Amino acid sequence: MNANNNLSNKKIEFSGLFSFCLFLLIWPMFMGPLIAILNPSFFDGPEAIKMSFSSGLYSARNIAIGLAFLGAIFFRNAPILFALISIRLVTDIIDAPLYYLHRDPVLFGLIVIFTLQCYLPAIYGLRYLWKQIKIKTD
């Protein structure tokens, strides 16, 4: 119990690489909804002239998670950031094959984008946070 109180009272440190990884993980949460709002046909096909229910849910979900990330960063809360990055990683693991099945992109490009902008930053971020959490609880 005391270790949890110590962790919540101590702020984690942000390295330059960890901050860059957070940026790579967070910017799509605001950029994607912006695209969905400004260009509904990107998500819903060429016949879409206004935002659909699915685009609205996508936008609301991503903006909410993005704001949660910003709050956790502001408060430097390692356990919450760890949970958010874990959720983001699981979502990206699911999104990559779904995107491939429904959008017909070039497979190599899809692998490169998801690996460099989703998986590697998430894995590095989780590893960094785990070390921060272990240091703070010891």
N, C-alpha and C. Protein backbone atom coordinates (compact mmCIF):
# COMPACT_ATOMS: atom_id res chain seq x y z
N MET A 1 0.83 -1.19 0.00
CA MET A 1 0.00 0.00 0.00
C MET A 1 0.87 1.25 0.00
N ASN A 2 1.93 1.23 0.79
CA ASN A 2 2.82 2.38 0.87
C ASN A 2 3.54 2.63 -0.45
N ALA A 3 3.89 1.56 -1.17
CA ALA A 3 4.56 1.71 -2.47
C ALA A 3 3.64 2.42 -3.46
N ASN A 4 2.34 2.12 -3.43
CA ASN A 4 1.40 2.79 -4.32
C ASN A 4 1.30 4.27 -4.00
N ASN A 5 1.29 4.62 -2.72
CA ASN A 5 1.25 6.03 -2.34
C ASN A 5 2.52 6.75 -2.77
N ASN A 6 3.68 6.09 -2.62
CA ASN A 6 4.93 6.71 -3.05
C ASN A 6 4.93 6.95 -4.54
N LEU A 7 4.42 6.00 -5.31
CA LEU A 7 4.39 6.14 -6.76
C LEU A 7 3.48 7.28 -7.18
N SER A 8 2.32 7.41 -6.53
CA SER A 8 1.39 8.46 -6.94
C SER A 8 1.90 9.85 -6.56
N ASN A 9 2.77 9.94 -5.55
CA ASN A 9 3.29 11.24 -5.12
C ASN A 9 4.53 11.68 -5.90
N LYS A 10 5.21 10.75 -6.55
CA LYS A 10 6.43 11.07 -7.28
C LYS A 10 6.15 11.17 -8.76
N LYS A 11 6.70 12.20 -9.35
CA LYS A 11 6.50 12.43 -10.79
C LYS A 11 7.57 11.70 -11.58
N ILE A 12 7.17 11.11 -12.72
CA ILE A 12 8.15 10.43 -13.56
C ILE A 12 8.92 11.45 -14.38
N GLU A 13 10.08 11.07 -14.82
CA GLU A 13 10.91 11.91 -15.68
C GLU A 13 10.64 11.56 -17.14
N PHE A 14 10.67 12.56 -18.01
CA PHE A 14 10.48 12.34 -19.44
C PHE A 14 11.79 12.58 -20.17
N SER A 15 12.28 11.54 -20.83
CA SER A 15 13.47 11.70 -21.67
C SER A 15 13.03 12.23 -23.04
N GLY A 16 13.97 12.65 -23.82
CA GLY A 16 13.65 13.14 -25.16
C GLY A 16 13.05 12.05 -26.04
N LEU A 17 13.62 10.85 -26.00
CA LEU A 17 13.13 9.74 -26.81
C LEU A 17 11.73 9.30 -26.35
N PHE A 18 11.51 9.27 -25.04
CA PHE A 18 10.20 8.91 -24.53
C PHE A 18 9.16 9.95 -24.94
N SER A 19 9.53 11.22 -24.89
CA SER A 19 8.61 12.28 -25.32
C SER A 19 8.27 12.15 -26.80
N PHE A 20 9.26 11.81 -27.62
CA PHE A 20 9.02 11.60 -29.05
C PHE A 20 8.09 10.41 -29.27
N CYS A 21 8.30 9.34 -28.51
CA CYS A 21 7.41 8.17 -28.61
C CYS A 21 5.98 8.54 -28.22
N LEU A 22 5.83 9.34 -27.18
CA LEU A 22 4.49 9.80 -26.79
C LEU A 22 3.85 10.62 -27.91
N PHE A 23 4.64 11.47 -28.54
CA PHE A 23 4.12 12.26 -29.66
C PHE A 23 3.62 11.34 -30.78
N LEU A 24 4.43 10.33 -31.13
CA LEU A 24 4.03 9.40 -32.19
C LEU A 24 2.76 8.64 -31.84
N LEU A 25 2.56 8.37 -30.56
CA LEU A 25 1.38 7.65 -30.13
C LEU A 25 0.14 8.54 -30.03
N ILE A 26 0.33 9.81 -29.73
CA ILE A 26 -0.80 10.70 -29.46
C ILE A 26 -1.28 11.48 -30.69
N TRP A 27 -0.39 11.92 -31.56
CA TRP A 27 -0.82 12.81 -32.65
C TRP A 27 -1.89 12.20 -33.53
N PRO A 28 -1.88 10.87 -33.79
CA PRO A 28 -2.97 10.32 -34.62
C PRO A 28 -4.35 10.42 -33.96
N MET A 29 -4.37 10.53 -32.64
CA MET A 29 -5.64 10.62 -31.94
C MET A 29 -6.33 11.95 -32.16
N PHE A 30 -5.58 12.93 -32.59
CA PHE A 30 -6.19 14.22 -32.92
C PHE A 30 -6.23 14.44 -34.43
N MET A 31 -5.24 13.91 -35.14
CA MET A 31 -5.20 14.07 -36.59
C MET A 31 -6.29 13.25 -37.28
N GLY A 32 -6.51 12.01 -36.84
CA GLY A 32 -7.53 11.15 -37.42
C GLY A 32 -8.93 11.76 -37.33
N PRO A 33 -9.34 12.22 -36.13
CA PRO A 33 -10.65 12.87 -36.05
C PRO A 33 -10.75 14.14 -36.89
N LEU A 34 -9.66 14.88 -36.99
CA LEU A 34 -9.67 16.08 -37.83
C LEU A 34 -9.93 15.70 -39.28
N ILE A 35 -9.28 14.64 -39.76
CA ILE A 35 -9.52 14.16 -41.12
C ILE A 35 -10.96 13.68 -41.27
N ALA A 36 -11.47 12.96 -40.26
CA ALA A 36 -12.84 12.44 -40.33
C ALA A 36 -13.86 13.58 -40.40
N ILE A 37 -13.57 14.68 -39.72
CA ILE A 37 -14.49 15.81 -39.73
C ILE A 37 -14.36 16.61 -41.03
N LEU A 38 -13.14 16.85 -41.47
CA LEU A 38 -12.92 17.68 -42.65
C LEU A 38 -13.12 16.93 -43.97
N ASN A 39 -12.88 15.61 -43.96
CA ASN A 39 -12.99 14.82 -45.18
C ASN A 39 -13.69 13.49 -44.88
N PRO A 40 -15.01 13.51 -44.69
CA PRO A 40 -15.73 12.29 -44.32
C PRO A 40 -15.56 11.15 -45.33
N SER A 41 -15.33 11.46 -46.58
CA SER A 41 -15.19 10.41 -47.58
C SER A 41 -13.94 9.56 -47.37
N PHE A 42 -12.96 10.07 -46.62
CA PHE A 42 -11.75 9.30 -46.35
C PHE A 42 -12.09 8.02 -45.59
N PHE A 43 -13.01 8.11 -44.63
CA PHE A 43 -13.37 6.95 -43.82
C PHE A 43 -14.59 6.21 -44.35
N ASP A 44 -15.55 6.94 -44.90
CA ASP A 44 -16.84 6.35 -45.23
C ASP A 44 -17.06 6.15 -46.72
N GLY A 45 -16.06 6.34 -47.52
CA GLY A 45 -16.20 6.13 -48.96
C GLY A 45 -16.56 7.40 -49.69
N PRO A 46 -16.48 7.37 -51.01
CA PRO A 46 -16.66 8.58 -51.82
C PRO A 46 -18.08 9.16 -51.76
N GLU A 47 -19.07 8.37 -51.39
CA GLU A 47 -20.43 8.89 -51.35
C GLU A 47 -20.72 9.71 -50.10
N ALA A 48 -19.83 9.69 -49.12
CA ALA A 48 -20.06 10.41 -47.87
C ALA A 48 -19.88 11.91 -48.07
N ILE A 49 -20.89 12.66 -47.69
CA ILE A 49 -20.78 14.12 -47.75
C ILE A 49 -20.83 14.72 -46.36
N LYS A 50 -21.24 13.94 -45.39
CA LYS A 50 -21.20 14.41 -44.02
C LYS A 50 -20.72 13.27 -43.13
N MET A 51 -20.35 13.62 -41.94
CA MET A 51 -19.80 12.66 -41.01
C MET A 51 -20.85 11.62 -40.63
N SER A 52 -20.49 10.35 -40.69
CA SER A 52 -21.41 9.26 -40.35
C SER A 52 -21.31 8.95 -38.86
N PHE A 53 -22.19 8.08 -38.42
CA PHE A 53 -22.18 7.65 -37.03
C PHE A 53 -20.85 6.99 -36.68
N SER A 54 -20.33 6.12 -37.56
CA SER A 54 -19.07 5.44 -37.28
C SER A 54 -17.90 6.41 -37.23
N SER A 55 -17.90 7.41 -38.11
CA SER A 55 -16.84 8.43 -38.07
C SER A 55 -16.93 9.25 -36.79
N GLY A 56 -18.17 9.53 -36.36
CA GLY A 56 -18.36 10.27 -35.12
C GLY A 56 -17.87 9.49 -33.91
N LEU A 57 -18.16 8.18 -33.87
CA LEU A 57 -17.66 7.35 -32.77
C LEU A 57 -16.15 7.27 -32.79
N TYR A 58 -15.58 7.10 -33.98
CA TYR A 58 -14.12 7.06 -34.12
C TYR A 58 -13.51 8.35 -33.59
N SER A 59 -14.08 9.47 -34.00
CA SER A 59 -13.55 10.77 -33.57
C SER A 59 -13.67 10.96 -32.06
N ALA A 60 -14.84 10.65 -31.52
CA ALA A 60 -15.05 10.82 -30.08
C ALA A 60 -14.12 9.92 -29.27
N ARG A 61 -13.96 8.68 -29.70
CA ARG A 61 -13.08 7.75 -28.99
C ARG A 61 -11.64 8.24 -28.99
N ASN A 62 -11.16 8.64 -30.15
CA ASN A 62 -9.77 9.07 -30.25
C ASN A 62 -9.51 10.37 -29.51
N ILE A 63 -10.42 11.31 -29.58
CA ILE A 63 -10.23 12.57 -28.86
C ILE A 63 -10.25 12.33 -27.35
N ALA A 64 -11.15 11.46 -26.88
CA ALA A 64 -11.20 11.15 -25.45
C ALA A 64 -9.91 10.50 -24.97
N ILE A 65 -9.40 9.54 -25.72
CA ILE A 65 -8.14 8.88 -25.34
C ILE A 65 -6.98 9.87 -25.43
N GLY A 66 -6.98 10.70 -26.46
CA GLY A 66 -5.94 11.72 -26.60
C GLY A 66 -5.92 12.67 -25.41
N LEU A 67 -7.09 13.09 -24.97
CA LEU A 67 -7.17 13.98 -23.80
C LEU A 67 -6.73 13.25 -22.53
N ALA A 68 -7.06 11.97 -22.41
CA ALA A 68 -6.59 11.18 -21.26
C ALA A 68 -5.07 11.10 -21.27
N PHE A 69 -4.47 10.90 -22.45
CA PHE A 69 -3.01 10.90 -22.57
C PHE A 69 -2.44 12.24 -22.11
N LEU A 70 -3.02 13.34 -22.58
CA LEU A 70 -2.51 14.66 -22.20
C LEU A 70 -2.62 14.89 -20.70
N GLY A 71 -3.72 14.43 -20.09
CA GLY A 71 -3.87 14.56 -18.64
C GLY A 71 -2.83 13.74 -17.90
N ALA A 72 -2.60 12.52 -18.33
CA ALA A 72 -1.59 11.67 -17.68
C ALA A 72 -0.19 12.25 -17.85
N ILE A 73 0.07 12.85 -19.00
CA ILE A 73 1.37 13.50 -19.22
C ILE A 73 1.50 14.71 -18.30
N PHE A 74 0.45 15.51 -18.23
CA PHE A 74 0.47 16.71 -17.38
C PHE A 74 0.76 16.34 -15.93
N PHE A 75 0.10 15.29 -15.43
CA PHE A 75 0.30 14.87 -14.05
C PHE A 75 1.48 13.92 -13.87
N ARG A 76 2.13 13.56 -14.98
CA ARG A 76 3.29 12.66 -14.97
C ARG A 76 2.98 11.36 -14.24
N ASN A 77 1.85 10.78 -14.57
CA ASN A 77 1.37 9.59 -13.91
C ASN A 77 1.75 8.35 -14.71
N ALA A 78 2.77 7.65 -14.23
CA ALA A 78 3.30 6.49 -14.95
C ALA A 78 2.30 5.34 -15.07
N PRO A 79 1.57 4.96 -14.01
CA PRO A 79 0.64 3.84 -14.17
C PRO A 79 -0.48 4.12 -15.19
N ILE A 80 -0.99 5.32 -15.21
CA ILE A 80 -2.04 5.66 -16.17
C ILE A 80 -1.46 5.68 -17.58
N LEU A 81 -0.29 6.27 -17.76
CA LEU A 81 0.35 6.25 -19.08
C LEU A 81 0.63 4.82 -19.53
N PHE A 82 1.05 3.98 -18.62
CA PHE A 82 1.31 2.57 -18.95
C PHE A 82 0.03 1.91 -19.43
N ALA A 83 -1.07 2.14 -18.73
CA ALA A 83 -2.36 1.55 -19.13
C ALA A 83 -2.82 2.09 -20.48
N LEU A 84 -2.69 3.40 -20.69
CA LEU A 84 -3.12 4.00 -21.95
C LEU A 84 -2.28 3.49 -23.13
N ILE A 85 -0.98 3.39 -22.94
CA ILE A 85 -0.12 2.89 -24.02
C ILE A 85 -0.44 1.42 -24.30
N SER A 86 -0.70 0.65 -23.25
CA SER A 86 -1.08 -0.77 -23.44
C SER A 86 -2.36 -0.88 -24.25
N ILE A 87 -3.34 -0.07 -23.91
CA ILE A 87 -4.62 -0.08 -24.64
C ILE A 87 -4.40 0.35 -26.08
N ARG A 88 -3.57 1.37 -26.27
CA ARG A 88 -3.28 1.85 -27.62
C ARG A 88 -2.58 0.76 -28.44
N LEU A 89 -1.66 0.02 -27.82
CA LEU A 89 -0.96 -1.05 -28.52
C LEU A 89 -1.92 -2.16 -28.94
N VAL A 90 -2.80 -2.57 -28.04
CA VAL A 90 -3.78 -3.60 -28.38
C VAL A 90 -4.69 -3.12 -29.51
N THR A 91 -5.13 -1.88 -29.43
CA THR A 91 -5.98 -1.32 -30.48
C THR A 91 -5.26 -1.31 -31.82
N ASP A 92 -3.98 -0.93 -31.83
CA ASP A 92 -3.22 -0.91 -33.07
C ASP A 92 -2.97 -2.31 -33.62
N ILE A 93 -2.79 -3.27 -32.73
CA ILE A 93 -2.62 -4.66 -33.18
C ILE A 93 -3.89 -5.15 -33.87
N ILE A 94 -5.03 -4.70 -33.40
CA ILE A 94 -6.30 -5.07 -34.04
C ILE A 94 -6.54 -4.24 -35.30
N ASP A 95 -6.20 -2.95 -35.26
CA ASP A 95 -6.47 -2.05 -36.39
C ASP A 95 -5.68 -2.39 -37.65
N ALA A 96 -4.45 -2.82 -37.52
CA ALA A 96 -3.61 -3.08 -38.70
C ALA A 96 -4.23 -4.11 -39.63
N PRO A 97 -4.60 -5.30 -39.14
CA PRO A 97 -5.20 -6.26 -40.08
C PRO A 97 -6.57 -5.80 -40.60
N LEU A 98 -7.35 -5.12 -39.75
CA LEU A 98 -8.64 -4.63 -40.20
C LEU A 98 -8.48 -3.58 -41.30
N TYR A 99 -7.51 -2.70 -41.10
CA TYR A 99 -7.24 -1.68 -42.12
C TYR A 99 -6.82 -2.35 -43.43
N TYR A 100 -5.99 -3.38 -43.33
CA TYR A 100 -5.54 -4.10 -44.52
C TYR A 100 -6.71 -4.77 -45.24
N LEU A 101 -7.61 -5.37 -44.48
CA LEU A 101 -8.74 -6.08 -45.07
C LEU A 101 -9.75 -5.15 -45.74
N HIS A 102 -9.95 -3.97 -45.16
CA HIS A 102 -11.01 -3.09 -45.64
C HIS A 102 -10.55 -1.95 -46.53
N ARG A 103 -9.27 -1.61 -46.54
CA ARG A 103 -8.79 -0.48 -47.34
C ARG A 103 -7.90 -0.89 -48.50
N ASP A 104 -7.42 -2.11 -48.53
CA ASP A 104 -6.58 -2.63 -49.60
C ASP A 104 -5.31 -1.79 -49.82
N PRO A 105 -4.54 -1.53 -48.75
CA PRO A 105 -3.30 -0.77 -48.92
C PRO A 105 -2.15 -1.70 -49.36
N VAL A 106 -1.01 -1.11 -49.63
CA VAL A 106 0.19 -1.89 -49.92
C VAL A 106 0.67 -2.49 -48.60
N LEU A 107 0.81 -3.79 -48.56
CA LEU A 107 1.13 -4.49 -47.31
C LEU A 107 2.45 -4.01 -46.70
N PHE A 108 3.48 -3.85 -47.53
CA PHE A 108 4.77 -3.42 -47.01
C PHE A 108 4.66 -2.04 -46.34
N GLY A 109 3.97 -1.12 -46.98
CA GLY A 109 3.79 0.21 -46.41
C GLY A 109 3.02 0.17 -45.11
N LEU A 110 2.00 -0.66 -45.06
CA LEU A 110 1.20 -0.81 -43.84
C LEU A 110 2.06 -1.34 -42.69
N ILE A 111 2.90 -2.32 -42.99
CA ILE A 111 3.78 -2.89 -41.97
C ILE A 111 4.77 -1.84 -41.47
N VAL A 112 5.35 -1.09 -42.38
CA VAL A 112 6.33 -0.06 -42.00
C VAL A 112 5.66 1.01 -41.13
N ILE A 113 4.50 1.50 -41.57
CA ILE A 113 3.82 2.56 -40.82
C ILE A 113 3.43 2.08 -39.43
N PHE A 114 2.79 0.93 -39.33
CA PHE A 114 2.36 0.46 -38.01
C PHE A 114 3.55 0.11 -37.13
N THR A 115 4.62 -0.42 -37.71
CA THR A 115 5.79 -0.77 -36.90
C THR A 115 6.48 0.47 -36.38
N LEU A 116 6.75 1.44 -37.26
CA LEU A 116 7.51 2.62 -36.86
C LEU A 116 6.69 3.64 -36.08
N GLN A 117 5.40 3.73 -36.37
CA GLN A 117 4.60 4.77 -35.70
C GLN A 117 3.69 4.25 -34.60
N CYS A 118 3.56 2.95 -34.49
CA CYS A 118 2.66 2.41 -33.46
C CYS A 118 3.36 1.43 -32.53
N TYR A 119 3.87 0.33 -33.10
CA TYR A 119 4.38 -0.75 -32.26
C TYR A 119 5.68 -0.39 -31.54
N LEU A 120 6.68 0.08 -32.27
CA LEU A 120 7.96 0.40 -31.62
C LEU A 120 7.84 1.51 -30.58
N PRO A 121 7.15 2.62 -30.88
CA PRO A 121 6.99 3.64 -29.82
C PRO A 121 6.25 3.10 -28.60
N ALA A 122 5.23 2.27 -28.82
CA ALA A 122 4.48 1.71 -27.70
C ALA A 122 5.36 0.78 -26.87
N ILE A 123 6.11 -0.08 -27.53
CA ILE A 123 6.97 -1.02 -26.80
C ILE A 123 8.04 -0.27 -26.03
N TYR A 124 8.66 0.73 -26.67
CA TYR A 124 9.67 1.53 -25.96
C TYR A 124 9.03 2.27 -24.79
N GLY A 125 7.86 2.86 -25.02
CA GLY A 125 7.19 3.60 -23.96
C GLY A 125 6.83 2.71 -22.78
N LEU A 126 6.33 1.52 -23.07
CA LEU A 126 5.99 0.59 -21.99
C LEU A 126 7.23 0.17 -21.22
N ARG A 127 8.32 -0.09 -21.93
CA ARG A 127 9.57 -0.48 -21.28
C ARG A 127 10.11 0.66 -20.40
N TYR A 128 10.08 1.88 -20.93
CA TYR A 128 10.56 3.05 -20.19
C TYR A 128 9.72 3.26 -18.93
N LEU A 129 8.40 3.20 -19.09
CA LEU A 129 7.51 3.41 -17.94
C LEU A 129 7.67 2.31 -16.90
N TRP A 130 7.85 1.07 -17.36
CA TRP A 130 8.04 -0.02 -16.41
C TRP A 130 9.28 0.23 -15.56
N LYS A 131 10.36 0.68 -16.18
CA LYS A 131 11.57 1.00 -15.43
C LYS A 131 11.31 2.14 -14.45
N GLN A 132 10.58 3.17 -14.88
CA GLN A 132 10.25 4.30 -14.00
C GLN A 132 9.40 3.83 -12.81
N ILE A 133 8.45 2.98 -13.08
CA ILE A 133 7.59 2.47 -12.01
C ILE A 133 8.40 1.63 -11.03
N LYS A 134 9.29 0.77 -11.55
CA LYS A 134 10.12 -0.06 -10.68
C LYS A 134 11.05 0.80 -9.82
N ILE A 135 11.62 1.84 -10.39
CA ILE A 135 12.51 2.73 -9.64
C ILE A 135 11.74 3.43 -8.53
N LYS A 136 10.54 3.90 -8.83
CA LYS A 136 9.75 4.65 -7.87
C LYS A 136 9.22 3.78 -6.74
N THR A 137 9.02 2.50 -6.99
CA THR A 137 8.47 1.62 -5.95
C THR A 137 9.56 0.94 -5.12
N ASP A 138 10.78 0.96 -5.59
CA ASP A 138 11.89 0.31 -4.82
C ASP A 138 12.35 1.18 -3.69
